[in-house]
Amino acid sequence: MKKTESKTAEQNKPEKSEEQPSSSNATDAQQSEDDADLQADLDRFRDLALRTQADLENYKKRSAREKEDAIKYANSSLLERLIAIVDNFELGLEAARAEGEKSPIFSGMSMVLKQLMDFLADSGLQPINALGQKFDPNLHEAIAHEPSKESPEGTVIRQTRRGYKLKDRLLRPSSVVVSRGP
C-alpha cells in the first residue's frame, strides 16, 4: 500500500515546473507593462521638456525683437508732433516767399527748415514724394479725384500734405488728389 500512497501523494503535489513559469510569465508580463508605461511617461516628459525649451527660445527671440523695435521706433511720437510743426513752418515759408525770395525772413526761415529737415532725416524720417506716382493706398490717402488730361487714371496729380516714413514704417500717409483720367 505504500506504493499507492506514495503515488497518490506525488500526484497531489503540485508540479513546480508548470506553476513557476506561469507565475514567472505573469510577473514578466507585469514588468513589461510597467516598463512600457514608464517608457511612455519618459517619452511624454521628454517631449514636454523639448517643447518647453522651444517655447522659451521663441519667447527670448520675440522679446529681443520687440525690444529692438521699441528702441528703433522710440522717437515716433515725438517725430509725429514735429511733422505738424514742419507743416506749419512750410506754410509760413510760403507766405514769406510772397514778399520775395531775397527777403531776409525768407532766407532765415529756409535755413531753419533745412536744419530741421536734416535733423529729422538723421532720426530716420523720410518724406514720401507722391506727386506723379501711381496711387498706393499703403502710402497715400486720397482726398479727391479730379479729371486730368496730362495724367493717366490712378496717378497722383497733387499733394496737399506730405507723408512720412520712419525707417520702414509709415508714420503719416500723404494726402493726395488722384487723377480720374481724361
N, C-alpha and C. Protein backbone atom coordinates (compact mmCIF):
# COMPACT_ATOMS: atom_id res chain seq x y z
N MET A 1 0.79 -1.18 0.00
CA MET A 1 0.00 0.00 0.00
C MET A 1 0.84 1.26 0.00
N LYS A 2 1.96 1.09 0.42
CA LYS A 2 2.84 2.25 0.47
C LYS A 2 3.11 2.76 -0.93
N LYS A 3 3.16 1.90 -1.88
CA LYS A 3 3.42 2.34 -3.23
C LYS A 3 2.27 3.17 -3.74
N THR A 4 1.06 2.76 -3.46
CA THR A 4 -0.10 3.52 -3.90
C THR A 4 -0.18 4.84 -3.19
N GLU A 5 0.13 4.83 -1.94
CA GLU A 5 0.07 6.09 -1.19
C GLU A 5 1.12 7.06 -1.70
N SER A 6 2.28 6.57 -1.96
CA SER A 6 3.32 7.46 -2.43
C SER A 6 2.99 8.00 -3.82
N LYS A 7 2.35 7.15 -4.65
CA LYS A 7 1.95 7.63 -5.96
C LYS A 7 0.88 8.69 -5.83
N THR A 8 -0.07 8.49 -4.93
CA THR A 8 -1.13 9.44 -4.73
C THR A 8 -0.57 10.74 -4.18
N ALA A 9 0.37 10.65 -3.29
CA ALA A 9 0.97 11.85 -2.71
C ALA A 9 1.73 12.62 -3.78
N GLU A 10 2.40 11.85 -4.66
CA GLU A 10 3.14 12.52 -5.71
C GLU A 10 2.20 13.18 -6.71
N GLN A 11 1.08 12.55 -6.96
CA GLN A 11 0.11 13.12 -7.90
C GLN A 11 -0.53 14.37 -7.34
N ASN A 12 -0.73 14.40 -6.03
CA ASN A 12 -1.35 15.56 -5.40
C ASN A 12 -0.38 16.74 -5.27
N LYS A 13 0.90 16.46 -5.32
CA LYS A 13 1.87 17.55 -5.20
C LYS A 13 1.81 18.40 -6.47
N PRO A 14 1.79 19.65 -6.29
CA PRO A 14 1.81 20.49 -7.49
C PRO A 14 3.17 20.40 -8.16
N GLU A 15 3.14 20.39 -9.45
CA GLU A 15 4.38 20.32 -10.19
C GLU A 15 4.99 21.71 -10.25
N LYS A 16 6.18 21.77 -9.80
CA LYS A 16 6.86 23.06 -9.73
C LYS A 16 7.19 23.58 -11.12
N SER A 17 7.49 22.75 -12.02
CA SER A 17 7.91 23.19 -13.34
C SER A 17 6.77 23.86 -14.09
N GLU A 18 5.52 23.46 -13.84
CA GLU A 18 4.40 24.07 -14.54
C GLU A 18 3.96 25.38 -13.88
N GLU A 19 3.91 25.45 -12.57
CA GLU A 19 3.41 26.63 -11.89
C GLU A 19 4.40 27.78 -11.88
N GLN A 20 5.63 27.49 -11.71
CA GLN A 20 6.62 28.55 -11.64
C GLN A 20 6.70 29.34 -12.95
N PRO A 21 6.73 28.71 -14.09
CA PRO A 21 6.77 29.50 -15.31
C PRO A 21 5.52 30.34 -15.46
N SER A 22 4.36 29.88 -15.09
CA SER A 22 3.16 30.70 -15.26
C SER A 22 3.19 31.90 -14.32
N SER A 23 3.65 31.74 -13.10
CA SER A 23 3.76 32.89 -12.22
C SER A 23 4.90 33.78 -12.68
N SER A 24 5.93 33.21 -13.21
CA SER A 24 7.05 33.98 -13.75
C SER A 24 6.60 34.74 -14.99
N ASN A 25 5.80 34.13 -15.83
CA ASN A 25 5.27 34.80 -17.02
C ASN A 25 4.38 35.97 -16.62
N ALA A 26 3.58 35.81 -15.60
CA ALA A 26 2.71 36.89 -15.13
C ALA A 26 3.55 38.04 -14.60
N THR A 27 4.60 37.71 -13.86
CA THR A 27 5.48 38.75 -13.32
C THR A 27 6.21 39.45 -14.46
N ASP A 28 6.68 38.67 -15.44
CA ASP A 28 7.36 39.26 -16.60
C ASP A 28 6.42 40.15 -17.40
N ALA A 29 5.19 39.70 -17.57
CA ALA A 29 4.21 40.50 -18.32
C ALA A 29 3.92 41.80 -17.58
N GLN A 30 3.77 41.69 -16.26
CA GLN A 30 3.53 42.89 -15.44
C GLN A 30 4.73 43.83 -15.53
N GLN A 31 5.93 43.26 -15.47
CA GLN A 31 7.15 44.06 -15.55
C GLN A 31 7.25 44.74 -16.92
N SER A 32 6.92 44.01 -17.98
CA SER A 32 6.96 44.58 -19.33
C SER A 32 5.95 45.71 -19.47
N GLU A 33 4.78 45.51 -18.89
CA GLU A 33 3.74 46.55 -18.93
C GLU A 33 4.19 47.78 -18.16
N ASP A 34 4.79 47.57 -17.00
CA ASP A 34 5.31 48.70 -16.21
C ASP A 34 6.42 49.42 -16.97
N ASP A 35 7.31 48.65 -17.61
CA ASP A 35 8.39 49.25 -18.40
C ASP A 35 7.82 50.07 -19.55
N ALA A 36 6.79 49.54 -20.21
CA ALA A 36 6.17 50.26 -21.32
C ALA A 36 5.53 51.56 -20.82
N ASP A 37 4.86 51.49 -19.66
CA ASP A 37 4.25 52.69 -19.08
C ASP A 37 5.32 53.72 -18.72
N LEU A 38 6.40 53.23 -18.12
CA LEU A 38 7.49 54.14 -17.76
C LEU A 38 8.13 54.76 -19.00
N GLN A 39 8.30 53.96 -20.05
CA GLN A 39 8.88 54.47 -21.29
C GLN A 39 7.96 55.50 -21.92
N ALA A 40 6.64 55.25 -21.89
CA ALA A 40 5.67 56.21 -22.42
C ALA A 40 5.73 57.51 -21.63
N ASP A 41 5.80 57.39 -20.29
CA ASP A 41 5.91 58.59 -19.46
C ASP A 41 7.20 59.34 -19.76
N LEU A 42 8.29 58.59 -19.90
CA LEU A 42 9.58 59.21 -20.21
C LEU A 42 9.53 59.94 -21.54
N ASP A 43 8.94 59.31 -22.55
CA ASP A 43 8.81 59.95 -23.87
C ASP A 43 7.94 61.20 -23.79
N ARG A 44 6.84 61.11 -23.04
CA ARG A 44 5.95 62.26 -22.89
C ARG A 44 6.66 63.42 -22.20
N PHE A 45 7.39 63.13 -21.13
CA PHE A 45 8.09 64.19 -20.41
C PHE A 45 9.26 64.75 -21.22
N ARG A 46 9.92 63.89 -21.99
CA ARG A 46 11.00 64.36 -22.84
C ARG A 46 10.43 65.31 -23.90
N ASP A 47 9.30 64.93 -24.49
CA ASP A 47 8.65 65.77 -25.48
C ASP A 47 8.20 67.10 -24.85
N LEU A 48 7.65 67.01 -23.65
CA LEU A 48 7.22 68.23 -22.94
C LEU A 48 8.42 69.14 -22.66
N ALA A 49 9.54 68.54 -22.26
CA ALA A 49 10.74 69.34 -21.98
C ALA A 49 11.25 70.01 -23.26
N LEU A 50 11.25 69.29 -24.38
CA LEU A 50 11.70 69.87 -25.64
C LEU A 50 10.77 71.00 -26.09
N ARG A 51 9.48 70.79 -25.96
CA ARG A 51 8.52 71.83 -26.34
C ARG A 51 8.67 73.07 -25.46
N THR A 52 8.86 72.85 -24.18
CA THR A 52 9.03 73.97 -23.25
C THR A 52 10.32 74.74 -23.57
N GLN A 53 11.36 74.00 -23.89
CA GLN A 53 12.62 74.64 -24.26
C GLN A 53 12.46 75.44 -25.55
N ALA A 54 11.74 74.90 -26.52
CA ALA A 54 11.49 75.62 -27.77
C ALA A 54 10.65 76.86 -27.51
N ASP A 55 9.64 76.74 -26.65
CA ASP A 55 8.81 77.91 -26.29
C ASP A 55 9.66 79.00 -25.65
N LEU A 56 10.58 78.60 -24.79
CA LEU A 56 11.45 79.56 -24.12
C LEU A 56 12.35 80.26 -25.14
N GLU A 57 12.90 79.52 -26.07
CA GLU A 57 13.74 80.12 -27.11
C GLU A 57 12.93 81.09 -27.97
N ASN A 58 11.71 80.70 -28.34
CA ASN A 58 10.85 81.60 -29.12
C ASN A 58 10.52 82.86 -28.34
N TYR A 59 10.25 82.70 -27.05
CA TYR A 59 9.96 83.86 -26.20
C TYR A 59 11.16 84.80 -26.15
N LYS A 60 12.35 84.25 -26.00
CA LYS A 60 13.56 85.08 -25.95
C LYS A 60 13.74 85.85 -27.26
N LYS A 61 13.54 85.16 -28.39
CA LYS A 61 13.69 85.81 -29.69
C LYS A 61 12.64 86.91 -29.87
N ARG A 62 11.39 86.61 -29.49
CA ARG A 62 10.32 87.60 -29.63
C ARG A 62 10.58 88.80 -28.74
N SER A 63 11.04 88.56 -27.52
CA SER A 63 11.34 89.67 -26.61
C SER A 63 12.48 90.53 -27.14
N ALA A 64 13.50 89.90 -27.69
CA ALA A 64 14.61 90.66 -28.25
C ALA A 64 14.15 91.50 -29.44
N ARG A 65 13.29 90.90 -30.29
CA ARG A 65 12.78 91.63 -31.46
C ARG A 65 11.90 92.81 -31.02
N GLU A 66 11.05 92.58 -30.02
CA GLU A 66 10.20 93.67 -29.52
C GLU A 66 11.03 94.77 -28.88
N LYS A 67 12.07 94.40 -28.17
CA LYS A 67 12.95 95.40 -27.55
C LYS A 67 13.66 96.21 -28.63
N GLU A 68 14.13 95.52 -29.66
CA GLU A 68 14.81 96.19 -30.77
C GLU A 68 13.86 97.16 -31.48
N ASP A 69 12.62 96.73 -31.71
CA ASP A 69 11.63 97.60 -32.35
C ASP A 69 11.29 98.79 -31.46
N ALA A 70 11.18 98.55 -30.15
CA ALA A 70 10.88 99.65 -29.23
C ALA A 70 11.97 100.70 -29.26
N ILE A 71 13.21 100.26 -29.33
CA ILE A 71 14.33 101.21 -29.41
C ILE A 71 14.34 101.91 -30.77
N LYS A 72 14.11 101.12 -31.83
CA LYS A 72 14.17 101.66 -33.19
C LYS A 72 13.10 102.72 -33.42
N TYR A 73 11.91 102.53 -32.85
CA TYR A 73 10.80 103.45 -33.09
C TYR A 73 10.42 104.25 -31.84
N ALA A 74 11.34 104.40 -30.92
CA ALA A 74 11.05 105.11 -29.67
C ALA A 74 10.68 106.57 -29.89
N ASN A 75 11.23 107.20 -30.91
CA ASN A 75 11.00 108.63 -31.15
C ASN A 75 9.80 108.89 -32.04
N SER A 76 9.02 107.88 -32.38
CA SER A 76 7.95 108.07 -33.35
C SER A 76 6.91 109.10 -32.89
N SER A 77 6.54 109.10 -31.62
CA SER A 77 5.53 110.07 -31.18
C SER A 77 6.09 111.51 -31.21
N LEU A 78 7.35 111.66 -30.85
CA LEU A 78 7.99 112.99 -30.92
C LEU A 78 8.06 113.45 -32.38
N LEU A 79 8.46 112.56 -33.26
CA LEU A 79 8.59 112.92 -34.67
C LEU A 79 7.23 113.25 -35.29
N GLU A 80 6.19 112.54 -34.88
CA GLU A 80 4.83 112.86 -35.37
C GLU A 80 4.44 114.28 -35.00
N ARG A 81 4.77 114.67 -33.79
CA ARG A 81 4.44 116.03 -33.35
C ARG A 81 5.29 117.06 -34.10
N LEU A 82 6.54 116.72 -34.36
CA LEU A 82 7.41 117.64 -35.10
C LEU A 82 6.97 117.80 -36.55
N ILE A 83 6.39 116.77 -37.12
CA ILE A 83 5.90 116.85 -38.51
C ILE A 83 4.84 117.94 -38.64
N ALA A 84 3.95 118.03 -37.66
CA ALA A 84 2.91 119.07 -37.69
C ALA A 84 3.55 120.46 -37.64
N ILE A 85 4.61 120.59 -36.87
CA ILE A 85 5.32 121.87 -36.79
C ILE A 85 5.99 122.19 -38.12
N VAL A 86 6.58 121.17 -38.75
CA VAL A 86 7.22 121.37 -40.07
C VAL A 86 6.17 121.82 -41.08
N ASP A 87 4.98 121.21 -41.05
CA ASP A 87 3.91 121.61 -41.97
C ASP A 87 3.59 123.09 -41.82
N ASN A 88 3.42 123.53 -40.59
CA ASN A 88 3.11 124.95 -40.34
C ASN A 88 4.29 125.84 -40.72
N PHE A 89 5.49 125.36 -40.49
CA PHE A 89 6.67 126.13 -40.84
C PHE A 89 6.76 126.31 -42.36
N GLU A 90 6.43 125.27 -43.10
CA GLU A 90 6.44 125.36 -44.56
C GLU A 90 5.37 126.34 -45.07
N LEU A 91 4.21 126.36 -44.38
CA LEU A 91 3.18 127.35 -44.75
C LEU A 91 3.69 128.77 -44.51
N GLY A 92 4.38 128.96 -43.39
CA GLY A 92 4.97 130.28 -43.10
C GLY A 92 6.03 130.64 -44.12
N LEU A 93 6.79 129.68 -44.56
CA LEU A 93 7.82 129.91 -45.57
C LEU A 93 7.19 130.32 -46.90
N GLU A 94 6.08 129.71 -47.25
CA GLU A 94 5.37 130.10 -48.48
C GLU A 94 4.85 131.53 -48.37
N ALA A 95 4.37 131.92 -47.20
CA ALA A 95 3.90 133.30 -47.00
C ALA A 95 5.07 134.28 -47.10
N ALA A 96 6.23 133.90 -46.55
CA ALA A 96 7.41 134.77 -46.63
C ALA A 96 7.91 134.86 -48.07
N ARG A 97 7.71 133.80 -48.85
CA ARG A 97 8.12 133.82 -50.25
C ARG A 97 7.33 134.86 -51.02
N ALA A 98 6.10 135.13 -50.60
CA ALA A 98 5.26 136.12 -51.27
C ALA A 98 5.91 137.50 -51.20
N GLU A 99 6.66 137.78 -50.13
CA GLU A 99 7.36 139.06 -50.01
C GLU A 99 8.55 139.12 -50.95
N GLY A 100 9.06 137.99 -51.30
CA GLY A 100 10.22 137.93 -52.20
C GLY A 100 11.25 136.97 -51.66
N GLU A 101 11.88 136.26 -52.56
CA GLU A 101 12.84 135.25 -52.14
C GLU A 101 14.14 135.88 -51.65
N LYS A 102 14.33 137.17 -51.90
CA LYS A 102 15.53 137.87 -51.43
C LYS A 102 15.33 138.40 -50.01
N SER A 103 14.13 138.26 -49.50
CA SER A 103 13.80 138.77 -48.16
C SER A 103 14.62 138.03 -47.10
N PRO A 104 15.13 138.77 -46.09
CA PRO A 104 15.90 138.12 -45.02
C PRO A 104 15.04 137.13 -44.21
N ILE A 105 13.77 137.41 -44.09
CA ILE A 105 12.87 136.49 -43.36
C ILE A 105 12.80 135.16 -44.10
N PHE A 106 12.62 135.22 -45.40
CA PHE A 106 12.54 134.01 -46.21
C PHE A 106 13.85 133.23 -46.14
N SER A 107 14.97 133.92 -46.23
CA SER A 107 16.28 133.26 -46.17
C SER A 107 16.50 132.59 -44.82
N GLY A 108 16.16 133.29 -43.76
CA GLY A 108 16.32 132.73 -42.40
C GLY A 108 15.42 131.52 -42.18
N MET A 109 14.18 131.65 -42.62
CA MET A 109 13.24 130.52 -42.45
C MET A 109 13.68 129.32 -43.29
N SER A 110 14.23 129.56 -44.47
CA SER A 110 14.71 128.47 -45.33
C SER A 110 15.85 127.71 -44.65
N MET A 111 16.77 128.46 -44.01
CA MET A 111 17.89 127.82 -43.32
C MET A 111 17.40 126.99 -42.13
N VAL A 112 16.45 127.55 -41.37
CA VAL A 112 15.92 126.81 -40.22
C VAL A 112 15.19 125.55 -40.68
N LEU A 113 14.42 125.66 -41.76
CA LEU A 113 13.71 124.50 -42.29
C LEU A 113 14.70 123.43 -42.75
N LYS A 114 15.78 123.84 -43.38
CA LYS A 114 16.79 122.87 -43.83
C LYS A 114 17.41 122.16 -42.63
N GLN A 115 17.74 122.91 -41.59
CA GLN A 115 18.31 122.30 -40.39
C GLN A 115 17.32 121.31 -39.75
N LEU A 116 16.08 121.71 -39.69
CA LEU A 116 15.05 120.85 -39.11
C LEU A 116 14.87 119.57 -39.94
N MET A 117 14.84 119.71 -41.26
CA MET A 117 14.69 118.54 -42.13
C MET A 117 15.92 117.62 -42.05
N ASP A 118 17.11 118.20 -41.92
CA ASP A 118 18.32 117.40 -41.74
C ASP A 118 18.27 116.61 -40.43
N PHE A 119 17.80 117.26 -39.37
CA PHE A 119 17.65 116.59 -38.08
C PHE A 119 16.66 115.43 -38.19
N LEU A 120 15.54 115.68 -38.85
CA LEU A 120 14.52 114.63 -39.00
C LEU A 120 15.05 113.47 -39.84
N ALA A 121 15.81 113.78 -40.89
CA ALA A 121 16.40 112.73 -41.72
C ALA A 121 17.40 111.90 -40.93
N ASP A 122 18.20 112.56 -40.09
CA ASP A 122 19.15 111.85 -39.25
C ASP A 122 18.44 110.94 -38.24
N SER A 123 17.22 111.30 -37.89
CA SER A 123 16.43 110.50 -36.94
C SER A 123 15.71 109.35 -37.63
N GLY A 124 15.88 109.23 -38.95
CA GLY A 124 15.27 108.13 -39.68
C GLY A 124 13.97 108.48 -40.38
N LEU A 125 13.61 109.74 -40.36
CA LEU A 125 12.36 110.17 -41.00
C LEU A 125 12.61 110.43 -42.48
N GLN A 126 11.75 109.87 -43.33
CA GLN A 126 11.90 110.03 -44.77
C GLN A 126 10.60 110.57 -45.34
N PRO A 127 10.65 111.68 -46.08
CA PRO A 127 9.42 112.19 -46.70
C PRO A 127 9.00 111.30 -47.86
N ILE A 128 7.71 111.20 -48.07
CA ILE A 128 7.17 110.42 -49.18
C ILE A 128 6.84 111.38 -50.31
N ASN A 129 7.48 111.20 -51.45
CA ASN A 129 7.20 112.02 -52.61
C ASN A 129 6.10 111.34 -53.41
N ALA A 130 4.92 111.90 -53.41
CA ALA A 130 3.77 111.26 -54.04
C ALA A 130 3.45 111.83 -55.42
N LEU A 131 3.86 113.02 -55.69
CA LEU A 131 3.49 113.70 -56.94
C LEU A 131 3.98 112.92 -58.16
N GLY A 132 3.04 112.61 -59.07
CA GLY A 132 3.37 111.88 -60.29
C GLY A 132 3.47 110.38 -60.11
N GLN A 133 3.34 109.88 -58.90
CA GLN A 133 3.42 108.45 -58.62
C GLN A 133 2.05 107.79 -58.79
N LYS A 134 2.05 106.49 -58.99
CA LYS A 134 0.80 105.74 -59.02
C LYS A 134 0.26 105.72 -57.60
N PHE A 135 -1.06 105.89 -57.47
CA PHE A 135 -1.68 105.92 -56.14
C PHE A 135 -1.45 104.58 -55.44
N ASP A 136 -0.93 104.64 -54.21
CA ASP A 136 -0.69 103.46 -53.38
C ASP A 136 -1.42 103.68 -52.05
N PRO A 137 -2.48 102.91 -51.77
CA PRO A 137 -3.23 103.12 -50.53
C PRO A 137 -2.42 102.85 -49.27
N ASN A 138 -1.27 102.18 -49.41
CA ASN A 138 -0.40 101.94 -48.25
C ASN A 138 0.41 103.18 -47.89
N LEU A 139 0.57 104.10 -48.84
CA LEU A 139 1.37 105.30 -48.61
C LEU A 139 0.58 106.59 -48.75
N HIS A 140 -0.53 106.53 -49.49
CA HIS A 140 -1.28 107.74 -49.81
C HIS A 140 -2.70 107.67 -49.27
N GLU A 141 -3.22 108.85 -48.98
CA GLU A 141 -4.62 108.99 -48.57
C GLU A 141 -5.29 109.90 -49.60
N ALA A 142 -6.19 109.32 -50.38
CA ALA A 142 -6.86 110.10 -51.44
C ALA A 142 -7.93 110.98 -50.80
N ILE A 143 -7.85 112.27 -51.06
CA ILE A 143 -8.87 113.18 -50.53
C ILE A 143 -9.80 113.65 -51.63
N ALA A 144 -9.40 113.43 -52.91
CA ALA A 144 -10.27 113.83 -54.03
C ALA A 144 -9.81 113.14 -55.30
N HIS A 145 -10.74 113.07 -56.26
CA HIS A 145 -10.44 112.60 -57.62
C HIS A 145 -10.78 113.74 -58.57
N GLU A 146 -9.88 114.02 -59.49
CA GLU A 146 -10.13 115.08 -60.47
C GLU A 146 -9.77 114.58 -61.86
N PRO A 147 -10.52 115.05 -62.86
CA PRO A 147 -10.15 114.68 -64.24
C PRO A 147 -8.85 115.38 -64.63
N SER A 148 -8.02 114.69 -65.41
CA SER A 148 -6.75 115.27 -65.85
C SER A 148 -6.42 114.74 -67.24
N LYS A 149 -6.09 115.66 -68.13
CA LYS A 149 -5.71 115.27 -69.49
C LYS A 149 -4.25 114.84 -69.54
N GLU A 150 -3.43 115.35 -68.63
CA GLU A 150 -2.00 115.07 -68.64
C GLU A 150 -1.63 113.77 -67.94
N SER A 151 -2.42 113.35 -66.96
CA SER A 151 -2.06 112.18 -66.15
C SER A 151 -3.06 111.05 -66.35
N PRO A 152 -2.56 109.82 -66.43
CA PRO A 152 -3.48 108.68 -66.55
C PRO A 152 -4.24 108.44 -65.24
N GLU A 153 -5.29 107.65 -65.34
CA GLU A 153 -6.12 107.36 -64.17
C GLU A 153 -5.29 106.66 -63.09
N GLY A 154 -5.50 107.05 -61.84
CA GLY A 154 -4.81 106.44 -60.72
C GLY A 154 -3.47 107.07 -60.39
N THR A 155 -3.13 108.17 -61.04
CA THR A 155 -1.86 108.85 -60.77
C THR A 155 -2.11 110.05 -59.86
N VAL A 156 -1.19 110.28 -58.94
CA VAL A 156 -1.29 111.42 -58.02
C VAL A 156 -0.95 112.69 -58.80
N ILE A 157 -1.92 113.64 -58.82
CA ILE A 157 -1.68 114.88 -59.55
C ILE A 157 -1.38 116.06 -58.63
N ARG A 158 -1.71 115.91 -57.34
CA ARG A 158 -1.41 116.99 -56.39
C ARG A 158 -1.28 116.40 -54.99
N GLN A 159 -0.32 116.92 -54.25
CA GLN A 159 -0.11 116.51 -52.86
C GLN A 159 -0.50 117.67 -51.96
N THR A 160 -1.47 117.46 -51.09
CA THR A 160 -1.90 118.55 -50.20
C THR A 160 -1.18 118.52 -48.85
N ARG A 161 -0.72 117.35 -48.48
CA ARG A 161 0.03 117.21 -47.23
C ARG A 161 1.05 116.08 -47.42
N ARG A 162 2.29 116.38 -47.12
CA ARG A 162 3.36 115.40 -47.31
C ARG A 162 3.25 114.29 -46.28
N GLY A 163 3.53 113.09 -46.74
CA GLY A 163 3.56 111.93 -45.84
C GLY A 163 4.99 111.61 -45.45
N TYR A 164 5.14 110.82 -44.39
CA TYR A 164 6.46 110.47 -43.89
C TYR A 164 6.51 109.02 -43.46
N LYS A 165 7.72 108.44 -43.63
CA LYS A 165 8.01 107.10 -43.13
C LYS A 165 9.10 107.22 -42.09
N LEU A 166 9.00 106.43 -41.05
CA LEU A 166 10.05 106.34 -40.04
C LEU A 166 10.74 105.01 -40.25
N LYS A 167 11.94 105.06 -40.79
CA LYS A 167 12.70 103.89 -41.21
C LYS A 167 11.86 103.09 -42.20
N ASP A 168 11.27 101.98 -41.81
CA ASP A 168 10.49 101.19 -42.77
C ASP A 168 8.99 101.21 -42.47
N ARG A 169 8.57 102.00 -41.50
CA ARG A 169 7.15 102.09 -41.14
C ARG A 169 6.55 103.41 -41.59
N LEU A 170 5.29 103.35 -41.97
CA LEU A 170 4.57 104.56 -42.34
C LEU A 170 4.22 105.33 -41.08
N LEU A 171 4.64 106.59 -41.03
CA LEU A 171 4.31 107.42 -39.88
C LEU A 171 3.05 108.23 -40.16
N ARG A 172 2.97 108.77 -41.38
CA ARG A 172 1.78 109.53 -41.78
C ARG A 172 1.64 109.42 -43.29
N PRO A 173 0.45 109.06 -43.79
CA PRO A 173 0.27 108.96 -45.24
C PRO A 173 0.20 110.34 -45.88
N SER A 174 0.56 110.40 -47.15
CA SER A 174 0.44 111.65 -47.91
C SER A 174 -1.02 111.86 -48.28
N SER A 175 -1.51 113.07 -48.09
CA SER A 175 -2.86 113.41 -48.55
C SER A 175 -2.73 113.88 -49.99
N VAL A 176 -3.44 113.20 -50.89
CA VAL A 176 -3.25 113.45 -52.32
C VAL A 176 -4.57 113.57 -53.07
N VAL A 177 -4.47 114.20 -54.24
CA VAL A 177 -5.56 114.26 -55.19
C VAL A 177 -5.15 113.32 -56.33
N VAL A 178 -6.06 112.42 -56.71
CA VAL A 178 -5.77 111.39 -57.69
C VAL A 178 -6.49 111.69 -59.00
N SER A 179 -5.81 111.41 -60.11
CA SER A 179 -6.39 111.64 -61.43
C SER A 179 -7.46 110.62 -61.72
N ARG A 180 -8.54 111.11 -62.32
CA ARG A 180 -9.63 110.26 -62.77
C ARG A 180 -9.43 109.87 -64.23
N GLY A 181 -8.42 110.45 -64.84
CA GLY A 181 -8.17 110.23 -66.26
C GLY A 181 -8.81 111.34 -67.08
N PRO A 182 -8.70 111.29 -68.42
CA PRO A 182 -9.28 112.35 -69.26
C PRO A 182 -10.79 112.30 -69.28
